[in-house]
């Protein structure tokens, strides 16, 4: 957890919501971006950054349960090859035996938010 008990991903989502509201208000105001930022004490380059970032479509992600009927546990072997998870061209995660699935989910969420 980060400052205030909010995860990094939660902080990014709060910023995304804040800047989306500011950009929507700016568009409705009829003011130039520079003038709107001046009047609302906003940093213009931050608004430009979020305007560009919010134009990118959010990835459409769906999760669904997988039933493993007849699943048998396989004894681990020291020479077992790790699993590699590749996300786009930016991230490669090595997953070894005994990983924490919740930590992996949080990491993937954070990487998607940063991408």
PDB file of N, CA and C in Angstrom:
ATOM      1  N   UNK A   1       0.840  -1.188   0.000  1.00  0.00           N
ATOM      2  CA  UNK A   1       0.000   0.000   0.000  1.00  0.00           C
ATOM      3  C   UNK A   1       0.885   1.252   0.000  1.00  0.00           C
ATOM      4  N   UNK A   2       0.370   2.263  -0.550  1.00  0.00           N
ATOM      5  CA  UNK A   2       1.082   3.534  -0.604  1.00  0.00           C
ATOM      6  C   UNK A   2       0.492   4.485   0.417  1.00  0.00           C
ATOM      7  N   UNK A   3       0.857   5.713   0.264  1.00  0.00           N
ATOM      8  CA  UNK A   3       0.422   6.765   1.175  1.00  0.00           C
ATOM      9  C   UNK A   3      -1.101   6.777   1.325  1.00  0.00           C
ATOM     10  N   UNK A   4      -1.582   6.869   2.556  1.00  0.00           N
ATOM     11  CA  UNK A   4      -3.012   6.961   2.809  1.00  0.00           C
ATOM     12  C   UNK A   4      -3.732   5.635   2.694  1.00  0.00           C
ATOM     13  N   UNK A   5      -2.999   4.529   2.606  1.00  0.00           N
ATOM     14  CA  UNK A   5      -3.625   3.226   2.517  1.00  0.00           C
ATOM     15  C   UNK A   5      -4.190   2.900   1.142  1.00  0.00           C
ATOM     16  N   UNK A   6      -3.912   3.706   0.130  1.00  0.00           N
ATOM     17  CA  UNK A   6      -4.408   3.462  -1.219  1.00  0.00           C
ATOM     18  C   UNK A   6      -3.282   2.856  -2.049  1.00  0.00           C
ATOM     19  N   UNK A   7      -3.595   1.794  -2.778  1.00  0.00           N
ATOM     20  CA  UNK A   7      -2.585   1.155  -3.614  1.00  0.00           C
ATOM     21  C   UNK A   7      -2.157   2.095  -4.733  1.00  0.00           C
ATOM     22  N   UNK A   8      -1.045   1.804  -5.341  1.00  0.00           N
ATOM     23  CA  UNK A   8      -0.544   2.614  -6.461  1.00  0.00           C
ATOM     24  C   UNK A   8      -1.582   2.620  -7.596  1.00  0.00           C
ATOM     25  N   UNK A   9      -2.157   1.448  -7.861  1.00  0.00           N
ATOM     26  CA  UNK A   9      -3.183   1.358  -8.904  1.00  0.00           C
ATOM     27  C   UNK A   9      -4.391   2.212  -8.534  1.00  0.00           C
ATOM     28  N   UNK A  10      -4.748   2.232  -7.260  1.00  0.00           N
ATOM     29  CA  UNK A  10      -5.862   3.062  -6.801  1.00  0.00           C
ATOM     30  C   UNK A  10      -5.565   4.540  -6.973  1.00  0.00           C
ATOM     31  N   UNK A  11      -4.326   4.938  -6.696  1.00  0.00           N
ATOM     32  CA  UNK A  11      -3.931   6.335  -6.876  1.00  0.00           C
ATOM     33  C   UNK A  11      -4.007   6.737  -8.350  1.00  0.00           C
ATOM     34  N   UNK A  12      -3.573   5.838  -9.221  1.00  0.00           N
ATOM     35  CA  UNK A  12      -3.625   6.128 -10.653  1.00  0.00           C
ATOM     36  C   UNK A  12      -5.073   6.270 -11.100  1.00  0.00           C
ATOM     37  N   UNK A  13      -5.951   5.414 -10.602  1.00  0.00           N
ATOM     38  CA  UNK A  13      -7.363   5.496 -10.962  1.00  0.00           C
ATOM     39  C   UNK A  13      -7.980   6.802 -10.462  1.00  0.00           C
ATOM     40  N   UNK A  14      -7.590   7.248  -9.256  1.00  0.00           N
ATOM     41  CA  UNK A  14      -8.085   8.533  -8.744  1.00  0.00           C
ATOM     42  C   UNK A  14      -7.634   9.683  -9.639  1.00  0.00           C
ATOM     43  N   UNK A  15      -6.359   9.654 -10.071  1.00  0.00           N
ATOM     44  CA  UNK A  15      -5.844  10.700 -10.962  1.00  0.00           C
ATOM     45  C   UNK A  15      -6.582  10.665 -12.295  1.00  0.00           C
ATOM     46  N   UNK A  16      -6.799   9.466 -12.816  1.00  0.00           N
ATOM     47  CA  UNK A  16      -7.511   9.320 -14.087  1.00  0.00           C
ATOM     48  C   UNK A  16      -8.904   9.951 -13.987  1.00  0.00           C
ATOM     49  N   UNK A  17      -9.618   9.670 -12.908  1.00  0.00           N
ATOM     50  CA  UNK A  17     -10.959  10.218 -12.704  1.00  0.00           C
ATOM     51  C   UNK A  17     -10.906  11.739 -12.574  1.00  0.00           C
ATOM     52  N   UNK A  18      -9.960  12.243 -11.776  1.00  0.00           N
ATOM     53  CA  UNK A  18      -9.813  13.686 -11.577  1.00  0.00           C
ATOM     54  C   UNK A  18      -9.574  14.399 -12.907  1.00  0.00           C
ATOM     55  N   UNK A  19      -8.607  13.896 -13.688  1.00  0.00           N
ATOM     56  CA  UNK A  19      -8.257  14.577 -14.928  1.00  0.00           C
ATOM     57  C   UNK A  19      -9.342  14.426 -15.982  1.00  0.00           C
ATOM     58  N   UNK A  20     -10.044  13.323 -15.984  1.00  0.00           N
ATOM     59  CA  UNK A  20     -11.168  13.178 -16.918  1.00  0.00           C
ATOM     60  C   UNK A  20     -12.220  14.247 -16.621  1.00  0.00           C
ATOM     61  N   UNK A  21     -12.509  14.468 -15.341  1.00  0.00           N
ATOM     62  CA  UNK A  21     -13.473  15.513 -14.959  1.00  0.00           C
ATOM     63  C   UNK A  21     -12.972  16.893 -15.382  1.00  0.00           C
ATOM     64  N   UNK A  22     -11.688  17.178 -15.146  1.00  0.00           N
ATOM     65  CA  UNK A  22     -11.128  18.486 -15.519  1.00  0.00           C
ATOM     66  C   UNK A  22     -11.193  18.697 -17.025  1.00  0.00           C
ATOM     67  N   UNK A  23     -10.845  17.676 -17.786  1.00  0.00           N
ATOM     68  CA  UNK A  23     -10.851  17.792 -19.248  1.00  0.00           C
ATOM     69  C   UNK A  23     -12.274  17.974 -19.765  1.00  0.00           C
ATOM     70  N   UNK A  24     -13.221  17.245 -19.190  1.00  0.00           N
ATOM     71  CA  UNK A  24     -14.633  17.426 -19.575  1.00  0.00           C
ATOM     72  C   UNK A  24     -15.099  18.843 -19.271  1.00  0.00           C
ATOM     73  N   UNK A  25     -14.747  19.379 -18.100  1.00  0.00           N
ATOM     74  CA  UNK A  25     -15.131  20.751 -17.725  1.00  0.00           C
ATOM     75  C   UNK A  25     -14.475  21.771 -18.651  1.00  0.00           C
ATOM     76  N   UNK A  26     -13.199  21.547 -18.981  1.00  0.00           N
ATOM     77  CA  UNK A  26     -12.498  22.452 -19.894  1.00  0.00           C
ATOM     78  C   UNK A  26     -13.194  22.491 -21.253  1.00  0.00           C
ATOM     79  N   UNK A  27     -13.539  21.322 -21.779  1.00  0.00           N
ATOM     80  CA  UNK A  27     -14.196  21.267 -23.095  1.00  0.00           C
ATOM     81  C   UNK A  27     -15.540  21.994 -23.070  1.00  0.00           C
ATOM     82  N   UNK A  28     -16.247  21.929 -21.960  1.00  0.00           N
ATOM     83  CA  UNK A  28     -17.544  22.596 -21.845  1.00  0.00           C
ATOM     84  C   UNK A  28     -17.392  24.102 -21.595  1.00  0.00           C
ATOM     85  N   UNK A  29     -16.222  24.504 -21.121  1.00  0.00           N
ATOM     86  CA  UNK A  29     -16.031  25.908 -20.739  1.00  0.00           C
ATOM     87  C   UNK A  29     -15.904  26.853 -21.924  1.00  0.00           C
ATOM     88  N   UNK A  30     -15.444  26.366 -23.061  1.00  0.00           N
ATOM     89  CA  UNK A  30     -15.213  27.239 -24.205  1.00  0.00           C
ATOM     90  C   UNK A  30     -13.901  28.006 -24.110  1.00  0.00           C
ATOM     91  N   UNK A  31     -13.148  27.800 -23.038  1.00  0.00           N
ATOM     92  CA  UNK A  31     -11.858  28.481 -22.854  1.00  0.00           C
ATOM     93  C   UNK A  31     -10.753  27.713 -23.558  1.00  0.00           C
ATOM     94  N   UNK A  32      -9.646  28.416 -23.835  1.00  0.00           N
ATOM     95  CA  UNK A  32      -8.465  27.708 -24.329  1.00  0.00           C
ATOM     96  C   UNK A  32      -7.941  26.849 -23.180  1.00  0.00           C
ATOM     97  N   UNK A  33      -7.164  25.849 -23.523  1.00  0.00           N
ATOM     98  CA  UNK A  33      -6.610  24.974 -22.485  1.00  0.00           C
ATOM     99  C   UNK A  33      -5.738  25.782 -21.527  1.00  0.00           C
ATOM    100  N   UNK A  34      -4.929  26.692 -22.054  1.00  0.00           N
ATOM    101  CA  UNK A  34      -4.047  27.506 -21.215  1.00  0.00           C
ATOM    102  C   UNK A  34      -4.856  28.375 -20.257  1.00  0.00           C
ATOM    103  N   UNK A  35      -5.915  29.006 -20.763  1.00  0.00           N
ATOM    104  CA  UNK A  35      -6.732  29.876 -19.915  1.00  0.00           C
ATOM    105  C   UNK A  35      -7.460  29.063 -18.837  1.00  0.00           C
ATOM    106  N   UNK A  36      -7.995  27.919 -19.207  1.00  0.00           N
ATOM    107  CA  UNK A  36      -8.687  27.078 -18.229  1.00  0.00           C
ATOM    108  C   UNK A  36      -7.717  26.668 -17.110  1.00  0.00           C
ATOM    109  N   UNK A  37      -6.516  26.273 -17.498  1.00  0.00           N
ATOM    110  CA  UNK A  37      -5.513  25.872 -16.496  1.00  0.00           C
ATOM    111  C   UNK A  37      -5.154  27.043 -15.586  1.00  0.00           C
ATOM    112  N   UNK A  38      -4.997  28.227 -16.162  1.00  0.00           N
ATOM    113  CA  UNK A  38      -4.689  29.409 -15.350  1.00  0.00           C
ATOM    114  C   UNK A  38      -5.799  29.676 -14.334  1.00  0.00           C
ATOM    115  N   UNK A  39      -7.036  29.641 -14.791  1.00  0.00           N
ATOM    116  CA  UNK A  39      -8.170  29.955 -13.919  1.00  0.00           C
ATOM    117  C   UNK A  39      -8.400  28.901 -12.832  1.00  0.00           C
ATOM    118  N   UNK A  40      -7.994  27.677 -13.098  1.00  0.00           N
ATOM    119  CA  UNK A  40      -8.238  26.596 -12.134  1.00  0.00           C
ATOM    120  C   UNK A  40      -6.955  26.109 -11.457  1.00  0.00           C
ATOM    121  N   UNK A  41      -5.883  26.885 -11.628  1.00  0.00           N
ATOM    122  CA  UNK A  41      -4.603  26.586 -10.981  1.00  0.00           C
ATOM    123  C   UNK A  41      -4.126  25.163 -11.299  1.00  0.00           C
ATOM    124  N   UNK A  42      -4.168  24.825 -12.581  1.00  0.00           N
ATOM    125  CA  UNK A  42      -3.717  23.517 -13.042  1.00  0.00           C
ATOM    126  C   UNK A  42      -2.436  23.677 -13.849  1.00  0.00           C
ATOM    127  N   UNK A  43      -1.599  22.648 -13.846  1.00  0.00           N
ATOM    128  CA  UNK A  43      -0.369  22.659 -14.630  1.00  0.00           C
ATOM    129  C   UNK A  43      -0.723  22.214 -16.053  1.00  0.00           C
ATOM    130  N   UNK A  44      -0.477  23.091 -17.018  1.00  0.00           N
ATOM    131  CA  UNK A  44      -0.925  22.851 -18.392  1.00  0.00           C
ATOM    132  C   UNK A  44      -0.347  21.579 -18.992  1.00  0.00           C
ATOM    133  N   UNK A  45       0.942  21.313 -18.759  1.00  0.00           N
ATOM    134  CA  UNK A  45       1.531  20.109 -19.366  1.00  0.00           C
ATOM    135  C   UNK A  45       0.958  18.835 -18.746  1.00  0.00           C
ATOM    136  N   UNK A  46       0.522  18.903 -17.467  1.00  0.00           N
ATOM    137  CA  UNK A  46      -0.122  17.728 -16.874  1.00  0.00           C
ATOM    138  C   UNK A  46      -1.477  17.482 -17.539  1.00  0.00           C
ATOM    139  N   UNK A  47      -2.199  18.555 -17.807  1.00  0.00           N
ATOM    140  CA  UNK A  47      -3.483  18.413 -18.479  1.00  0.00           C
ATOM    141  C   UNK A  47      -3.280  17.844 -19.888  1.00  0.00           C
ATOM    142  N   UNK A  48      -2.279  18.312 -20.587  1.00  0.00           N
ATOM    143  CA  UNK A  48      -1.995  17.803 -21.933  1.00  0.00           C
ATOM    144  C   UNK A  48      -1.645  16.315 -21.883  1.00  0.00           C
ATOM    145  N   UNK A  49      -0.845  15.928 -20.883  1.00  0.00           N
ATOM    146  CA  UNK A  49      -0.474  14.523 -20.713  1.00  0.00           C
ATOM    147  C   UNK A  49      -1.722  13.658 -20.512  1.00  0.00           C
ATOM    148  N   UNK A  50      -2.597  14.067 -19.591  1.00  0.00           N
ATOM    149  CA  UNK A  50      -3.791  13.271 -19.289  1.00  0.00           C
ATOM    150  C   UNK A  50      -4.786  13.308 -20.447  1.00  0.00           C
ATOM    151  N   UNK A  51      -4.854  14.407 -21.157  1.00  0.00           N
ATOM    152  CA  UNK A  51      -5.738  14.487 -22.324  1.00  0.00           C
ATOM    153  C   UNK A  51      -5.315  13.435 -23.345  1.00  0.00           C
ATOM    154  N   UNK A  52      -4.012  13.334 -23.589  1.00  0.00           N
ATOM    155  CA  UNK A  52      -3.490  12.342 -24.535  1.00  0.00           C
ATOM    156  C   UNK A  52      -3.698  10.926 -23.997  1.00  0.00           C
ATOM    157  N   UNK A  53      -3.400  10.729 -22.738  1.00  0.00           N
ATOM    158  CA  UNK A  53      -3.508   9.394 -22.130  1.00  0.00           C
ATOM    159  C   UNK A  53      -4.954   8.898 -22.117  1.00  0.00           C
ATOM    160  N   UNK A  54      -5.896   9.787 -21.865  1.00  0.00           N
ATOM    161  CA  UNK A  54      -7.297   9.388 -21.795  1.00  0.00           C
ATOM    162  C   UNK A  54      -7.901   9.148 -23.176  1.00  0.00           C
ATOM    163  N   UNK A  55      -7.232   9.566 -24.229  1.00  0.00           N
ATOM    164  CA  UNK A  55      -7.713   9.299 -25.586  1.00  0.00           C
ATOM    165  C   UNK A  55      -7.456   7.856 -25.990  1.00  0.00           C
ATOM    166  N   UNK A  56      -6.467   7.208 -25.336  1.00  0.00           N
ATOM    167  CA  UNK A  56      -6.172   5.811 -25.643  1.00  0.00           C
ATOM    168  C   UNK A  56      -7.311   4.950 -25.107  1.00  0.00           C
ATOM    169  N   UNK A  57      -7.774   4.009 -25.903  1.00  0.00           N
ATOM    170  CA  UNK A  57      -8.847   3.140 -25.402  1.00  0.00           C
ATOM    171  C   UNK A  57      -8.329   2.231 -24.295  1.00  0.00           C
ATOM    172  N   UNK A  58      -9.166   2.021 -23.297  1.00  0.00           N
ATOM    173  CA  UNK A  58      -8.811   1.119 -22.210  1.00  0.00           C
ATOM    174  C   UNK A  58      -8.868  -0.306 -22.742  1.00  0.00           C
ATOM    175  N   UNK A  59      -7.933  -1.159 -22.347  1.00  0.00           N
ATOM    176  CA  UNK A  59      -7.980  -2.534 -22.842  1.00  0.00           C
ATOM    177  C   UNK A  59      -9.242  -3.237 -22.342  1.00  0.00           C
ATOM    178  N   UNK A  60      -9.834  -4.012 -23.213  1.00  0.00           N
ATOM    179  CA  UNK A  60     -11.029  -4.770 -22.858  1.00  0.00           C
ATOM    180  C   UNK A  60     -10.572  -6.101 -22.291  1.00  0.00           C
ATOM    181  N   UNK A  61     -10.686  -6.247 -20.982  1.00  0.00           N
ATOM    182  CA  UNK A  61     -10.207  -7.440 -20.296  1.00  0.00           C
ATOM    183  C   UNK A  61     -11.390  -8.157 -19.673  1.00  0.00           C
ATOM    184  N   UNK A  62     -11.439  -9.444 -19.881  1.00  0.00           N
ATOM    185  CA  UNK A  62     -12.487 -10.260 -19.271  1.00  0.00           C
ATOM    186  C   UNK A  62     -11.840 -11.424 -18.536  1.00  0.00           C
ATOM    187  N   UNK A  63     -12.384 -11.753 -17.396  1.00  0.00           N
ATOM    188  CA  UNK A  63     -11.925 -12.897 -16.630  1.00  0.00           C
ATOM    189  C   UNK A  63     -13.075 -13.878 -16.533  1.00  0.00           C
ATOM    190  N   UNK A  64     -12.758 -15.133 -16.546  1.00  0.00           N
ATOM    191  CA  UNK A  64     -13.786 -16.138 -16.370  1.00  0.00           C
ATOM    192  C   UNK A  64     -13.172 -17.333 -15.661  1.00  0.00           C
ATOM    193  N   UNK A  65     -13.995 -18.050 -14.881  1.00  0.00           N
ATOM    194  CA  UNK A  65     -13.471 -19.195 -14.135  1.00  0.00           C
ATOM    195  C   UNK A  65     -13.139 -20.360 -15.065  1.00  0.00           C
ATOM    196  N   UNK A  66     -12.131 -21.104 -14.702  1.00  0.00           N
ATOM    197  CA  UNK A  66     -11.739 -22.288 -15.450  1.00  0.00           C
ATOM    198  C   UNK A  66     -11.858 -23.478 -14.508  1.00  0.00           C
ATOM    199  N   UNK A  67     -12.651 -24.461 -14.921  1.00  0.00           N
ATOM    200  CA  UNK A  67     -12.805 -25.659 -14.100  1.00  0.00           C
ATOM    201  C   UNK A  67     -11.716 -26.647 -14.484  1.00  0.00           C
ATOM    202  N   UNK A  68     -11.066 -27.187 -13.481  1.00  0.00           N
ATOM    203  CA  UNK A  68      -9.990 -28.142 -13.711  1.00  0.00           C
ATOM    204  C   UNK A  68     -10.433 -29.518 -13.211  1.00  0.00           C
ATOM    205  N   UNK A  69     -11.413 -30.090 -13.876  1.00  0.00           N
ATOM    206  CA  UNK A  69     -11.897 -31.413 -13.501  1.00  0.00           C
ATOM    207  C   UNK A  69     -10.813 -32.450 -13.768  1.00  0.00           C
ATOM    208  N   UNK A  70     -10.602 -33.298 -12.802  1.00  0.00           N
ATOM    209  CA  UNK A  70      -9.604 -34.345 -12.964  1.00  0.00           C
ATOM    210  C   UNK A  70      -8.179 -33.846 -12.883  1.00  0.00           C
ATOM    211  N   UNK A  71      -8.002 -32.652 -12.362  1.00  0.00           N
ATOM    212  CA  UNK A  71      -6.658 -32.066 -12.234  1.00  0.00           C
ATOM    213  C   UNK A  71      -5.849 -32.853 -11.213  1.00  0.00           C
ATOM    214  N   UNK A  72      -4.658 -33.189 -11.579  1.00  0.00           N
ATOM    215  CA  UNK A  72      -3.766 -33.905 -10.666  1.00  0.00           C
ATOM    216  C   UNK A  72      -2.541 -33.046 -10.418  1.00  0.00           C
ATOM    217  N   UNK A  73      -2.177 -32.954  -9.165  1.00  0.00           N
ATOM    218  CA  UNK A  73      -0.992 -32.162  -8.829  1.00  0.00           C
ATOM    219  C   UNK A  73       0.251 -32.895  -9.318  1.00  0.00           C
ATOM    220  N   UNK A  74       1.113 -32.163  -9.954  1.00  0.00           N
ATOM    221  CA  UNK A  74       2.356 -32.735 -10.462  1.00  0.00           C
ATOM    222  C   UNK A  74       3.468 -32.338  -9.504  1.00  0.00           C
ATOM    223  N   UNK A  75       4.237 -33.310  -9.099  1.00  0.00           N
ATOM    224  CA  UNK A  75       5.346 -33.038  -8.189  1.00  0.00           C
ATOM    225  C   UNK A  75       6.340 -32.112  -8.878  1.00  0.00           C
ATOM    226  N   UNK A  76       6.790 -31.114  -8.148  1.00  0.00           N
ATOM    227  CA  UNK A  76       7.734 -30.166  -8.741  1.00  0.00           C
ATOM    228  C   UNK A  76       9.108 -30.788  -8.857  1.00  0.00           C
ATOM    229  N   UNK A  77       9.827 -30.315  -9.854  1.00  0.00           N
ATOM    230  CA  UNK A  77      11.191 -30.784 -10.070  1.00  0.00           C
ATOM    231  C   UNK A  77      12.110 -29.573 -10.044  1.00  0.00           C
ATOM    232  N   UNK A  78      13.276 -29.691  -9.460  1.00  0.00           N
ATOM    233  CA  UNK A  78      14.186 -28.540  -9.390  1.00  0.00           C
ATOM    234  C   UNK A  78      14.527 -27.978 -10.766  1.00  0.00           C
ATOM    235  N   UNK A  79      14.545 -28.824 -11.805  1.00  0.00           N
ATOM    236  CA  UNK A  79      14.918 -28.344 -13.132  1.00  0.00           C
ATOM    237  C   UNK A  79      13.728 -27.784 -13.907  1.00  0.00           C
ATOM    238  N   UNK A  80      12.583 -27.634 -13.226  1.00  0.00           N
ATOM    239  CA  UNK A  80      11.376 -27.133 -13.880  1.00  0.00           C
ATOM    240  C   UNK A  80      11.614 -25.718 -14.430  1.00  0.00           C
ATOM    241  N   UNK A  81      11.212 -25.504 -15.663  1.00  0.00           N
ATOM    242  CA  UNK A  81      11.391 -24.214 -16.330  1.00  0.00           C
ATOM    243  C   UNK A  81      10.329 -23.247 -15.836  1.00  0.00           C
ATOM    244  N   UNK A  82      10.696 -21.981 -15.539  1.00  0.00           N
ATOM    245  CA  UNK A  82       9.699 -21.000 -15.104  1.00  0.00           C
ATOM    246  C   UNK A  82       8.760 -20.621 -16.254  1.00  0.00           C
ATOM    247  N   UNK A  83       7.626 -20.079 -15.899  1.00  0.00           N
ATOM    248  CA  UNK A  83       6.656 -19.561 -16.857  1.00  0.00           C
ATOM    249  C   UNK A  83       6.975 -18.093 -17.081  1.00  0.00           C
ATOM    250  N   UNK A  84       6.924 -17.658 -18.333  1.00  0.00           N
ATOM    251  CA  UNK A  84       7.155 -16.254 -18.636  1.00  0.00           C
ATOM    252  C   UNK A  84       5.853 -15.651 -19.154  1.00  0.00           C
ATOM    253  N   UNK A  85       5.462 -14.526 -18.576  1.00  0.00           N
ATOM    254  CA  UNK A  85       4.274 -13.798 -18.990  1.00  0.00           C
ATOM    255  C   UNK A  85       4.756 -12.533 -19.683  1.00  0.00           C
ATOM    256  N   UNK A  86       4.369 -12.354 -20.948  1.00  0.00           N
ATOM    257  CA  UNK A  86       4.797 -11.200 -21.726  1.00  0.00           C
ATOM    258  C   UNK A  86       3.582 -10.326 -21.985  1.00  0.00           C
ATOM    259  N   UNK A  87       3.676  -9.045 -21.634  1.00  0.00           N
ATOM    260  CA  UNK A  87       2.595  -8.086 -21.835  1.00  0.00           C
ATOM    261  C   UNK A  87       3.085  -7.050 -22.838  1.00  0.00           C
ATOM    262  N   UNK A  88       2.566  -7.152 -24.059  1.00  0.00           N
ATOM    263  CA  UNK A  88       2.986  -6.246 -25.120  1.00  0.00           C
ATOM    264  C   UNK A  88       4.480  -6.350 -25.363  1.00  0.00           C
ATOM    265  N   UNK A  89       5.079  -5.239 -25.727  1.00  0.00           N
ATOM    266  CA  UNK A  89       6.528  -5.203 -25.940  1.00  0.00           C
ATOM    267  C   UNK A  89       7.253  -4.631 -24.735  1.00  0.00           C
ATOM    268  N   UNK A  90       6.486  -4.275 -23.694  1.00  0.00           N
ATOM    269  CA  UNK A  90       7.070  -3.530 -22.595  1.00  0.00           C
ATOM    270  C   UNK A  90       7.444  -4.352 -21.370  1.00  0.00           C
ATOM    271  N   UNK A  91       6.708  -5.453 -21.104  1.00  0.00           N
ATOM    272  CA  UNK A  91       6.892  -6.145 -19.837  1.00  0.00           C
ATOM    273  C   UNK A  91       7.048  -7.641 -20.036  1.00  0.00           C
ATOM    274  N   UNK A  92       7.962  -8.223 -19.268  1.00  0.00           N
ATOM    275  CA  UNK A  92       8.174  -9.671 -19.248  1.00  0.00           C
ATOM    276  C   UNK A  92       8.318 -10.070 -17.794  1.00  0.00           C
ATOM    277  N   UNK A  93       7.454 -10.967 -17.346  1.00  0.00           N
ATOM    278  CA  UNK A  93       7.443 -11.375 -15.946  1.00  0.00           C
ATOM    279  C   UNK A  93       7.785 -12.855 -15.876  1.00  0.00           C
ATOM    280  N   UNK A  94       8.751 -13.188 -15.044  1.00  0.00           N
ATOM    281  CA  UNK A  94       9.107 -14.586 -14.824  1.00  0.00           C
ATOM    282  C   UNK A  94       8.347 -15.081 -13.598  1.00  0.00           C
ATOM    283  N   UNK A  95       7.629 -16.183 -13.766  1.00  0.00           N
ATOM    284  CA  UNK A  95       6.817 -16.731 -12.690  1.00  0.00           C
ATOM    285  C   UNK A  95       7.387 -18.086 -12.298  1.00  0.00           C
ATOM    286  N   UNK A  96       7.862 -18.177 -11.080  1.00  0.00           N
ATOM    287  CA  UNK A  96       8.440 -19.410 -10.575  1.00  0.00           C
ATOM    288  C   UNK A  96       7.449 -20.139  -9.680  1.00  0.00           C
ATOM    289  N   UNK A  97       7.787 -21.338  -9.356  1.00  0.00           N
ATOM    290  CA  UNK A  97       6.957 -22.158  -8.481  1.00  0.00           C
ATOM    291  C   UNK A  97       6.693 -21.425  -7.163  1.00  0.00           C
ATOM    292  N   UNK A  98       5.464 -21.530  -6.673  1.00  0.00           N
ATOM    293  CA  UNK A  98       5.115 -20.944  -5.383  1.00  0.00           C
ATOM    294  C   UNK A  98       4.760 -19.472  -5.440  1.00  0.00           C
ATOM    295  N   UNK A  99       4.484 -18.914  -6.636  1.00  0.00           N
ATOM    296  CA  UNK A  99       4.139 -17.491  -6.736  1.00  0.00           C
ATOM    297  C   UNK A  99       2.789 -17.234  -6.078  1.00  0.00           C
ATOM    298  N   UNK A 100       2.571 -15.989  -5.701  1.00  0.00           N
ATOM    299  CA  UNK A 100       1.309 -15.564  -5.089  1.00  0.00           C
ATOM    300  C   UNK A 100       0.429 -14.999  -6.199  1.00  0.00           C
ATOM    301  N   UNK A 101      -0.689 -15.667  -6.496  1.00  0.00           N
ATOM    302  CA  UNK A 101      -1.565 -15.268  -7.601  1.00  0.00           C
ATOM    303  C   UNK A 101      -2.123 -13.859  -7.405  1.00  0.00           C
ATOM    304  N   UNK A 102      -2.438 -13.467  -6.172  1.00  0.00           N
ATOM    305  CA  UNK A 102      -2.980 -12.126  -5.914  1.00  0.00           C
ATOM    306  C   UNK A 102      -1.948 -11.047  -6.232  1.00  0.00           C
ATOM    307  N   UNK A 103      -0.707 -11.286  -5.879  1.00  0.00           N
ATOM    308  CA  UNK A 103       0.364 -10.329  -6.181  1.00  0.00           C
ATOM    309  C   UNK A 103       0.530 -10.209  -7.689  1.00  0.00           C
ATOM    310  N   UNK A 104       0.450 -11.341  -8.404  1.00  0.00           N
ATOM    311  CA  UNK A 104       0.549 -11.307  -9.860  1.00  0.00           C
ATOM    312  C   UNK A 104      -0.598 -10.489 -10.464  1.00  0.00           C
ATOM    313  N   UNK A 105      -1.832 -10.667  -9.983  1.00  0.00           N
ATOM    314  CA  UNK A 105      -2.974  -9.892 -10.486  1.00  0.00           C
ATOM    315  C   UNK A 105      -2.751  -8.396 -10.261  1.00  0.00           C
ATOM    316  N   UNK A 106      -2.280  -8.030  -9.065  1.00  0.00           N
ATOM    317  CA  UNK A 106      -2.030  -6.618  -8.767  1.00  0.00           C
ATOM    318  C   UNK A 106      -0.934  -6.057  -9.672  1.00  0.00           C
ATOM    319  N   UNK A 107       0.106  -6.848  -9.909  1.00  0.00           N
ATOM    320  CA  UNK A 107       1.203  -6.409 -10.777  1.00  0.00           C
ATOM    321  C   UNK A 107       0.713  -6.184 -12.197  1.00  0.00           C
ATOM    322  N   UNK A 108      -0.086  -7.090 -12.719  1.00  0.00           N
ATOM    323  CA  UNK A 108      -0.612  -6.944 -14.071  1.00  0.00           C
ATOM    324  C   UNK A 108      -1.486  -5.700 -14.160  1.00  0.00           C
ATOM    325  N   UNK A 109      -2.354  -5.475 -13.179  1.00  0.00           N
ATOM    326  CA  UNK A 109      -3.220  -4.281 -13.158  1.00  0.00           C
ATOM    327  C   UNK A 109      -2.375  -3.011 -13.172  1.00  0.00           C
ATOM    328  N   UNK A 110      -1.332  -2.988 -12.351  1.00  0.00           N
ATOM    329  CA  UNK A 110      -0.464  -1.817 -12.283  1.00  0.00           C
ATOM    330  C   UNK A 110       0.260  -1.586 -13.597  1.00  0.00           C
ATOM    331  N   UNK A 111       0.785  -2.646 -14.206  1.00  0.00           N
ATOM    332  CA  UNK A 111       1.499  -2.504 -15.472  1.00  0.00           C
ATOM    333  C   UNK A 111       0.570  -2.005 -16.565  1.00  0.00           C
ATOM    334  N   UNK A 112      -0.669  -2.473 -16.577  1.00  0.00           N
ATOM    335  CA  UNK A 112      -1.617  -1.998 -17.580  1.00  0.00           C
ATOM    336  C   UNK A 112      -1.922  -0.525 -17.365  1.00  0.00           C
ATOM    337  N   UNK A 113      -2.002  -0.108 -16.116  1.00  0.00           N
ATOM    338  CA  UNK A 113      -2.269   1.301 -15.822  1.00  0.00           C
ATOM    339  C   UNK A 113      -1.098   2.182 -16.265  1.00  0.00           C
ATOM    340  N   UNK A 114       0.109   1.667 -16.162  1.00  0.00           N
ATOM    341  CA  UNK A 114       1.291   2.445 -16.514  1.00  0.00           C
ATOM    342  C   UNK A 114       1.571   2.439 -18.012  1.00  0.00           C
ATOM    343  N   UNK A 115       1.068   1.438 -18.711  1.00  0.00           N
ATOM    344  CA  UNK A 115       1.350   1.310 -20.152  1.00  0.00           C
ATOM    345  C   UNK A 115       0.637   2.372 -20.957  1.00  0.00           C
TER     346      UNK A 115
END
